Each structure stands twice: as structure tokens, then as C-alpha cells.
């Protein structure tokens, strides 16, 4: 296929289903990549966006990476990725990785649409580790951000809705309030998800070398699924200190964007390969090719694919988890609308769900999202 047009726009996103609640001014980029392939009388358009949490990437997309795709001639997603990265120096992973990953998502959406396949079925024969791995994926519902008022009441209602929708695992946020408040929030969540290892917490990098070990020790009694992002992602000393005194899994990797960084994390952060969890985001890691480099590098160092639970909470990560036979995936049922969550009307059965069976990533199965993307 040849890319003939690329359009990008920055849009606001919210951590909450109610967008009137302040959310830190978060944005994401949406892109539409038009190809010369024709299906049903129309050019095939692949769509993508910048996942969650790193802000829009419009300048880098428009000025740096989109022109390289437009000049590349015939390509597939892997050669398109190589064209975008041509001339890029090692290092500098802070934001360009997200811009590349946004366009990469759109290329995979277009490639799967051209083949008439759901993305996970396009990827599985090429990159999957085991053809016998089921197509459906273990998932957890992510949310539980601190509410500005009636926090415990609103948190309880949110998590109850997740449980009633079929989710067996859930993750809430901590670290934005005093530890005593967080402990009350966790206790309330544990009333709704009481089984061991069904409740995870995400500290959003809130702790440091002094506070992180003490917080981890206070959380021991909850038998959590994991503690996520305790401290600065490059503070390996603190991560190691937590790993030495906290028995249950810790989860890391959301803010690690390259295979080189992932190997440093494995080498220096005291991670325990038999129990800890890896949360790299397939968009933020230079897209799927960069994510595959991380998986390959860490498998070679003794990690299992079941340790990978990709960040994002959207359909692209769900396809990746299914195709590669990963441990599971995050879902944002209420956060970051219309990007988070599953296909319209799709339900969770036994804590598991399959990616949409529509061609491509399946954005067309989410009415609000496809309307936004088509507005490009």
C-alpha cells in the first residue's frame, strides 16, 4: 500500500466519564492515514491515536514523521516504521516514540482492513508465540481516580458497575492523597473485589526513596494483584527497595519506551521475573515494532510473555495482547471516552473478552469513537 494523505488533530481527553471534572489538561492526537488501496469502492483509511497519558504529538507527527511516510512509496507497517525512523539517532525516547506509535497504529489498522482481517488475526501468524493460545484475553477494569467530592461514594459506585459488568479484576489510583486516605479507598475497593489478587493499585509515580518502602509495607495486608508505578520510572534504587520488602507483584514499564531502557529496567530495578508485571504501552513504545523489540529482548532475559499486560485500556492493546499471547490487558470502561473500553454492547465473560471481529482494529464498532476519527 502507499500512503497518500495523513491528517492529525489534537483532542482533549478526560480521566473521568464526567469531562467537567478537572483532568490535568490531558490531550491526545488522532490521525487518519489514507492509502491508495480501494475496498468497497472507497480508499482504505487507517486510524490511530496517541493512547493515554502522554499528551498530543501534533508537531512531531506533522513536521517530522508524516512527511517520511508520504515519501516512502509502497510499504507495509514494518517498512513504514523503518521509514519513519530513518535518520533518527539512538536515545531521545521521551516523546518522539509516541508520535511514531500513533502513526504506526493507523498503519496496522489500514493493513488489516486491506486484508479484511481483525488485527489480532493478521498479527498472530507472524508474531504470536503459540497458535493454541485462545483469542480471548484476561482483562481488568481500570479507573478509580480520586474524585474531588464524595470520593468514597463515587468510587464505590464506579467499582460496583465494573463488577456487575463482568470484570473480575480492577485497578484504582493512589498516591494523590495522604496514605491514610488511600488505605480507606483500598479497603472500600476490597469490599467489592474481596478475592486475593483481584485488586491492583497505581501510584502514578507518587512515592520516593523515603516514602515508597513504607507505603508498600502498609499495603502488604491487602494481597493486591500488584502495586504499579511506585516512583519515578528511572529510580531503580527505590524500585529495588520496594521489591526487596514487598512480597506481592509490582508492576512497571508504562513510562519505559524502548528496548534499551527495558533492559536497563530488568538489570537494575530488582525485578523478580517469576512474579512481577510489565506494563509497556504498545503505542508509546514506538508502536508495535518497538513493543516487539521489548518483548524479544526481555524474553531472551528470562521473562515470560504472560508477564506482559499492555497499558492503554483500548482496542489496539487488546488486539496486541490477544495476538502475542500476553498475560492480559487493561480496559478503561469509563475513563478516557471515547477511546477507552470495548466495542459497543460487548460484554465481559468470566473476566475475559475477545477483540472485535471487524476488519482492522475495530474502531468502527465504537460509534462515538469512529465519528470522532472520521471527522478528520
Protein backbone atom coordinates (compact mmCIF):
# COMPACT_ATOMS: atom_id res chain seq x y z
CA UNK A 1 0.00 0.00 0.00
CA UNK A 2 1.00 3.61 -0.49
CA UNK A 3 0.11 6.40 1.97
CA UNK A 4 -1.44 9.31 0.06
CA UNK A 5 -2.71 11.56 2.85
CA UNK A 6 -2.25 11.96 6.62
CA UNK A 7 -4.38 14.13 8.87
CA UNK A 8 -3.89 14.83 12.59
CA UNK A 9 -5.75 16.74 15.26
CA UNK A 10 -5.24 17.21 18.99
CA UNK A 11 -8.30 16.47 21.15
CA UNK A 12 -8.99 16.75 24.85
CA UNK A 13 -9.35 13.59 26.92
CA UNK A 14 -10.53 13.06 30.50
CA UNK A 15 -9.69 10.57 33.19
CA UNK A 16 -13.36 10.64 34.19
CA UNK A 17 -16.61 9.72 32.48
CA UNK A 18 -17.73 13.22 33.51
CA UNK A 19 -15.44 15.54 31.50
CA UNK A 20 -16.32 18.52 33.70
CA UNK A 21 -14.06 17.10 36.44
CA UNK A 22 -10.57 18.64 36.06
CA UNK A 23 -8.20 16.17 34.44
CA UNK A 24 -4.90 18.00 34.14
CA UNK A 25 -5.46 19.27 30.62
CA UNK A 26 -4.76 15.90 29.04
CA UNK A 27 -4.83 15.63 25.25
CA UNK A 28 -4.19 13.01 22.60
CA UNK A 29 -3.57 13.08 18.84
CA UNK A 30 -5.96 11.40 16.43
CA UNK A 31 -4.70 10.52 12.95
CA UNK A 32 -6.23 9.31 9.72
CA UNK A 33 -3.90 7.69 7.18
CA UNK A 34 -5.43 7.37 3.71
CA UNK A 35 -3.97 4.70 1.42
CA UNK A 36 -4.19 4.01 -2.29
CA UNK A 37 -5.90 0.67 -1.60
CA UNK A 38 -9.58 0.56 -2.58
CA UNK A 39 -12.13 -1.60 -0.81
CA UNK A 40 -15.89 -1.40 -1.45
CA UNK A 41 -15.27 1.49 -3.82
CA UNK A 42 -13.53 3.68 -1.24
CA UNK A 43 -9.90 4.29 -0.23
CA UNK A 44 -8.86 2.38 2.87
CA UNK A 45 -8.22 4.73 5.80
CA UNK A 46 -6.35 3.59 8.88
CA UNK A 47 -6.97 5.40 12.15
CA UNK A 48 -4.82 5.80 15.23
CA UNK A 49 -4.40 7.86 18.38
CA UNK A 50 -1.72 8.51 20.97
CA UNK A 51 -3.05 6.19 23.69
CA UNK A 52 -3.44 7.66 27.19
CA UNK A 53 -1.34 9.83 29.42
CA UNK A 54 1.42 11.41 27.30
CA UNK A 55 -0.35 14.37 25.60
CA UNK A 56 -0.85 15.07 21.88
CA UNK A 57 2.02 14.80 19.41
CA UNK A 58 0.84 17.06 16.59
CA UNK A 59 4.07 18.90 15.89
CA UNK A 60 6.21 15.77 15.68
CA UNK A 61 3.62 13.95 13.58
CA UNK A 62 3.03 16.75 11.07
CA UNK A 63 6.57 18.09 10.73
CA UNK A 64 8.76 15.04 11.19
CA UNK A 65 7.17 11.64 10.74
CA UNK A 66 4.14 12.06 8.44
CA UNK A 67 6.30 13.51 5.61
CA UNK A 68 8.55 10.43 5.77
CA UNK A 69 5.56 8.11 5.37
CA UNK A 70 4.18 10.13 2.48
CA UNK A 71 7.55 9.92 0.70
CA UNK A 72 8.12 6.23 1.37
CA UNK A 73 6.31 4.71 -1.61
CA UNK A 74 4.85 1.21 -1.31
CA UNK A 75 5.06 -0.05 2.26
CA UNK A 76 3.65 -2.33 4.89
CA UNK A 77 3.53 -1.39 8.59
CA UNK A 78 7.03 -2.71 9.28
CA UNK A 79 8.66 -0.90 6.36
CA UNK A 80 6.58 2.17 7.17
CA UNK A 81 8.02 2.12 10.67
CA UNK A 82 11.52 1.86 9.24
CA UNK A 83 10.81 4.86 7.01
CA UNK A 84 9.65 6.93 9.99
CA UNK A 85 12.76 6.03 11.99
CA UNK A 86 15.24 6.66 9.17
CA UNK A 87 17.92 9.07 10.33
CA UNK A 88 16.80 9.03 13.98
CA UNK A 89 19.64 8.80 16.47
CA UNK A 90 19.65 6.40 19.43
CA UNK A 91 18.20 7.83 22.63
CA UNK A 92 15.72 10.69 22.84
CA UNK A 93 12.82 8.39 23.59
CA UNK A 94 10.79 10.93 25.59
CA UNK A 95 8.08 11.94 23.12
CA UNK A 96 9.01 11.02 19.53
CA UNK A 97 8.20 7.40 20.41
CA UNK A 98 4.55 8.36 20.96
CA UNK A 99 4.33 10.22 17.64
CA UNK A 100 5.74 7.22 15.78
CA UNK A 101 3.44 4.87 17.69
CA UNK A 102 0.36 6.93 16.81
CA UNK A 103 1.05 6.66 13.08
CA UNK A 104 2.06 3.01 13.46
CA UNK A 105 -1.36 2.20 14.94
CA UNK A 106 -3.03 3.71 11.88
CA UNK A 107 -0.81 1.72 9.53
CA UNK A 108 -1.77 -1.55 11.21
CA UNK A 109 -5.45 -0.59 11.11
CA UNK A 110 -5.15 0.06 7.36
CA UNK A 111 -3.14 -3.11 6.68
CA UNK A 112 -5.66 -5.32 8.47
CA UNK A 113 -8.58 -3.62 6.69
CA UNK A 114 -6.90 -4.23 3.33
CA UNK A 115 -6.63 -7.93 4.19
CA UNK A 116 -10.19 -7.99 5.54
CA UNK A 117 -8.99 -9.32 8.90
CA UNK A 118 -9.25 -8.26 12.53
CA UNK A 119 -5.83 -7.03 13.57
CA UNK A 120 -5.15 -9.88 16.01
CA UNK A 121 -5.71 -12.41 13.20
CA UNK A 122 -3.29 -10.54 10.95
CA UNK A 123 -0.64 -10.42 13.68
CA UNK A 124 -0.97 -13.88 15.21
CA UNK A 125 0.67 -16.00 12.47
CA UNK A 126 3.54 -13.53 12.15
CA UNK A 127 4.32 -12.66 15.77
CA UNK A 128 2.30 -14.98 18.00
CA UNK A 129 4.20 -17.38 20.21
CA UNK A 130 1.71 -20.26 20.18
CA UNK A 131 -1.17 -20.90 17.80
CA UNK A 132 -3.07 -22.68 20.58
CA UNK A 133 -3.32 -19.53 22.72
CA UNK A 134 -7.01 -18.54 22.94
CA UNK A 135 -8.16 -15.39 21.15
CA UNK A 136 -9.91 -14.00 24.21
CA UNK A 137 -7.87 -12.15 26.82
CA UNK A 138 -7.88 -11.85 30.61
CA UNK A 139 -8.75 -8.22 31.35
CA UNK A 140 -9.06 -5.87 34.30
CA UNK A 141 -11.11 -2.71 34.60
CA UNK A 142 -9.00 0.39 35.20
CA UNK A 143 -10.25 3.58 36.81
CA UNK A 144 -10.67 4.65 40.39
CA UNK A 145 -9.19 8.14 40.06
CA UNK A 146 -9.57 10.40 43.09
CA UNK A 147 -12.86 12.31 42.94
CA UNK A 148 -12.93 15.96 44.08
CA UNK A 149 -16.04 15.34 46.22
CA UNK A 150 -17.86 12.30 47.65
CA UNK A 151 -14.81 10.27 46.69
CA UNK A 152 -15.61 7.04 48.53
CA UNK A 153 -19.23 7.07 47.42
CA UNK A 154 -18.41 7.67 43.78
CA UNK A 155 -15.53 5.19 43.86
CA UNK A 156 -17.82 2.52 45.30
CA UNK A 157 -20.44 3.10 42.61
CA UNK A 158 -17.80 3.01 39.87
CA UNK A 159 -16.26 -0.26 41.03
CA UNK A 160 -19.66 -1.84 41.59
CA UNK A 161 -20.51 -1.08 37.97
CA UNK A 162 -17.29 -2.81 36.89
CA UNK A 163 -18.10 -5.89 38.94
CA UNK A 164 -21.66 -6.01 37.63
CA UNK A 165 -20.34 -5.75 34.06
CA UNK A 166 -18.40 -9.00 34.44
CA UNK A 167 -14.94 -7.78 35.42
CA UNK A 168 -13.20 -9.96 37.98
CA UNK A 169 -10.17 -7.69 38.43
CA UNK A 170 -9.89 -3.95 38.91
CA UNK A 171 -7.26 -1.24 39.36
CA UNK A 172 -7.61 2.05 41.26
CA UNK A 173 -5.29 5.03 41.66
CA UNK A 174 -3.45 6.00 44.83
CA UNK A 175 -0.73 8.48 45.74
CA UNK A 176 -2.69 11.67 45.08
CA UNK A 177 -3.88 11.88 48.70
CA UNK A 178 -2.33 11.08 52.11
CA UNK A 179 -1.64 7.40 52.67
CA UNK A 180 -4.39 7.17 55.27
CA UNK A 181 -6.92 8.30 52.65
CA UNK A 182 -5.56 5.79 50.15
CA UNK A 183 -5.84 2.98 52.66
CA UNK A 184 -9.52 3.82 53.14
CA UNK A 185 -10.01 3.84 49.36
CA UNK A 186 -8.31 0.45 49.02
CA UNK A 187 -10.37 -1.00 51.85
CA UNK A 188 -13.56 0.22 50.15
CA UNK A 189 -12.45 -1.32 46.86
CA UNK A 190 -11.61 -4.59 48.59
CA UNK A 191 -15.20 -4.81 49.83
CA UNK A 192 -16.29 -5.03 46.18
CA UNK A 193 -13.36 -7.13 44.91
CA UNK A 194 -12.51 -9.16 48.03
CA UNK A 195 -10.71 -12.14 46.48
CA UNK A 196 -6.91 -12.12 46.76
CA UNK A 197 -5.05 -10.73 43.75
CA UNK A 198 -8.10 -9.17 42.11
CA UNK A 199 -7.41 -5.55 43.14
CA UNK A 200 -4.40 -3.58 41.86
CA UNK A 201 -3.29 -0.04 42.74
CA UNK A 202 -1.49 2.50 40.57
CA UNK A 203 0.54 5.10 42.48
CA UNK A 204 1.24 7.24 39.37
CA UNK A 205 4.92 7.73 40.37
CA UNK A 206 3.95 9.46 43.63
CA UNK A 207 6.48 7.99 46.07
CA UNK A 208 10.23 8.41 46.57
CA UNK A 209 13.06 6.61 48.29
CA UNK A 210 11.76 7.53 51.74
CA UNK A 211 8.02 7.05 51.26
CA UNK A 212 7.79 4.13 48.81
CA UNK A 213 9.02 1.28 51.05
CA UNK A 214 6.78 2.41 53.90
CA UNK A 215 3.76 2.64 51.59
CA UNK A 216 4.47 -0.80 50.17
CA UNK A 217 4.69 -2.24 53.67
CA UNK A 218 1.32 -0.68 54.58
CA UNK A 219 -0.22 -2.34 51.51
CA UNK A 220 1.04 -5.87 52.26
CA UNK A 221 -2.12 -6.86 54.10
CA UNK A 222 -4.41 -6.32 51.08
CA UNK A 223 -2.93 -9.18 48.98
CA UNK A 224 -3.07 -6.99 45.89
CA UNK A 225 -2.84 -8.10 42.29
CA UNK A 226 0.05 -5.62 42.03
CA UNK A 227 1.37 -2.19 43.01
CA UNK A 228 2.05 -0.14 39.90
CA UNK A 229 4.43 2.76 39.21
CA UNK A 230 5.50 3.43 42.78
CA UNK A 231 8.13 6.04 41.93
CA UNK A 232 9.99 7.78 39.11
CA UNK A 233 10.41 5.09 36.43
CA UNK A 234 14.19 5.56 36.38
CA UNK A 235 14.59 5.45 40.17
CA UNK A 236 15.90 1.90 40.14
CA UNK A 237 17.18 2.12 43.72
CA UNK A 238 13.69 2.77 45.06
CA UNK A 239 12.12 0.12 42.85
CA UNK A 240 14.66 -2.37 44.14
CA UNK A 241 13.99 -1.39 47.75
CA UNK A 242 10.26 -1.99 47.24
CA UNK A 243 10.89 -5.34 45.56
CA UNK A 244 13.06 -6.50 48.47
CA UNK A 245 10.42 -5.85 51.13
CA UNK A 246 7.13 -6.33 49.28
CA UNK A 247 6.09 -9.93 48.67
CA UNK A 248 3.30 -9.48 46.11
CA UNK A 249 3.88 -8.41 42.48
CA UNK A 250 4.96 -4.92 41.50
CA UNK A 251 4.17 -3.59 38.02
CA UNK A 252 6.42 -1.32 35.97
CA UNK A 253 7.10 -0.22 32.41
CA UNK A 254 4.32 2.18 31.45
CA UNK A 255 6.83 5.04 31.15
CA UNK A 256 9.60 2.94 29.57
CA UNK A 257 9.66 3.42 25.83
CA UNK A 258 12.46 1.40 24.23
CA UNK A 259 14.14 -2.00 24.35
CA UNK A 260 17.38 -0.42 25.64
CA UNK A 261 15.51 1.17 28.56
CA UNK A 262 13.63 -2.07 29.22
CA UNK A 263 16.89 -3.99 29.54
CA UNK A 264 18.19 -1.39 31.99
CA UNK A 265 14.99 -1.73 34.00
CA UNK A 266 15.41 -5.50 34.13
CA UNK A 267 19.08 -5.28 35.03
CA UNK A 268 18.97 -2.63 37.75
CA UNK A 269 15.49 -2.39 39.32
CA UNK A 270 15.49 -5.62 41.33
CA UNK A 271 12.56 -7.06 39.42
CA UNK A 272 11.50 -10.64 40.10
CA UNK A 273 10.86 -12.38 36.79
CA UNK A 274 8.72 -15.09 38.35
CA UNK A 275 6.12 -12.68 39.75
CA UNK A 276 6.36 -9.04 38.60
CA UNK A 277 4.33 -7.47 35.78
CA UNK A 278 5.40 -5.47 32.70
CA UNK A 279 3.07 -2.69 31.55
CA UNK A 280 4.74 -1.25 28.44
CA UNK A 281 2.34 0.65 26.18
CA UNK A 282 2.36 -0.65 22.57
CA UNK A 283 1.72 2.87 21.25
CA UNK A 284 4.20 4.73 23.44
CA UNK A 285 7.00 2.24 22.68
CA UNK A 286 7.37 3.40 19.06
CA UNK A 287 4.33 1.35 18.13
CA UNK A 288 4.11 -2.37 17.62
CA UNK A 289 7.62 -2.84 16.12
CA UNK A 290 9.18 -1.17 19.17
CA UNK A 291 6.96 -3.16 21.51
CA UNK A 292 8.02 -6.39 19.80
CA UNK A 293 11.66 -5.42 20.32
CA UNK A 294 10.97 -5.10 24.06
CA UNK A 295 9.17 -8.45 24.22
CA UNK A 296 12.01 -10.16 22.34
CA UNK A 297 14.72 -8.54 24.49
CA UNK A 298 13.07 -9.46 27.80
CA UNK A 299 12.10 -12.97 26.71
CA UNK A 300 15.79 -13.51 25.99
CA UNK A 301 16.49 -12.41 29.57
CA UNK A 302 14.08 -14.93 31.11
CA UNK A 303 10.73 -13.14 31.19
CA UNK A 304 7.58 -14.95 30.10
CA UNK A 305 5.01 -13.44 27.76
CA UNK A 306 2.43 -13.98 30.49
CA UNK A 307 4.20 -11.24 32.46
CA UNK A 308 3.23 -8.61 29.86
CA UNK A 309 -0.04 -6.73 30.42
CA UNK A 310 -0.03 -3.81 27.94
CA UNK A 311 -1.07 -0.36 29.13
CA UNK A 312 -3.70 1.69 27.32
CA UNK A 313 -7.11 0.25 28.07
CA UNK A 314 -8.27 0.43 24.43
CA UNK A 315 -8.87 -1.86 21.46
CA UNK A 316 -5.36 -1.72 19.99
CA UNK A 317 -3.78 -3.05 23.19
CA UNK A 318 -6.45 -5.74 23.34
CA UNK A 319 -5.54 -6.95 19.83
CA UNK A 320 -1.83 -6.96 20.71
CA UNK A 321 -2.40 -8.96 23.90
CA UNK A 322 -4.52 -11.49 22.02
CA UNK A 323 -2.15 -11.88 19.07
CA UNK A 324 1.03 -12.21 21.13
CA UNK A 325 -0.41 -14.46 23.85
CA UNK A 326 0.28 -11.97 26.64
CA UNK A 327 -0.89 -12.25 30.24
CA UNK A 328 -3.82 -9.90 29.86
CA UNK A 329 -4.83 -6.34 29.10
CA UNK A 330 -6.13 -3.18 30.72
CA UNK A 331 -9.60 -1.86 29.84
CA UNK A 332 -10.83 1.66 30.64
CA UNK A 333 -14.61 1.15 30.73
CA UNK A 334 -15.36 4.73 31.88
CA UNK A 335 -12.10 6.67 31.67
CA UNK A 336 -10.85 8.49 28.55
CA UNK A 337 -14.03 8.37 26.48
CA UNK A 338 -14.49 7.68 23.62
CA UNK A 339 -11.08 5.98 23.33
CA UNK A 340 -11.24 3.61 26.29
CA UNK A 341 -13.31 0.50 26.68
CA UNK A 342 -14.62 -2.25 24.44
CA UNK A 343 -16.82 -2.42 21.36
CA UNK A 344 -20.33 -1.06 21.83
CA UNK A 345 -22.52 -3.65 23.52
CA UNK A 346 -19.62 -6.02 24.15
CA UNK A 347 -19.66 -7.80 27.49
CA UNK A 348 -17.01 -9.42 29.66
CA UNK A 349 -17.49 -13.11 30.41
CA UNK A 350 -15.60 -14.70 33.27
CA UNK A 351 -13.15 -11.82 33.34
CA UNK A 352 -12.16 -12.39 29.70
CA UNK A 353 -13.01 -10.70 26.42
CA UNK A 354 -12.09 -11.01 22.73
CA UNK A 355 -11.01 -8.21 20.43
CA UNK A 356 -13.63 -7.14 17.85
CA UNK A 357 -14.04 -9.42 14.85
CA UNK A 358 -14.33 -6.46 12.47
CA UNK A 359 -11.57 -5.72 9.93
CA UNK A 360 -8.74 -3.62 11.35
CA UNK A 361 -8.66 -2.56 14.98
CA UNK A 362 -12.43 -2.28 15.12
CA UNK A 363 -12.85 1.44 15.77
CA UNK A 364 -16.00 1.18 13.67
CA UNK A 365 -17.56 -0.90 16.47
CA UNK A 366 -17.50 2.16 18.77
CA UNK A 367 -19.95 4.74 17.40
CA UNK A 368 -18.66 7.79 19.31
CA UNK A 369 -15.03 6.98 18.54
CA UNK A 370 -15.46 6.34 14.82
CA UNK A 371 -17.49 9.53 14.46
CA UNK A 372 -14.61 11.45 16.02
CA UNK A 373 -11.98 9.75 13.86
CA UNK A 374 -13.96 10.25 10.66
CA UNK A 375 -14.25 13.95 11.45
CA UNK A 376 -10.63 14.20 10.26
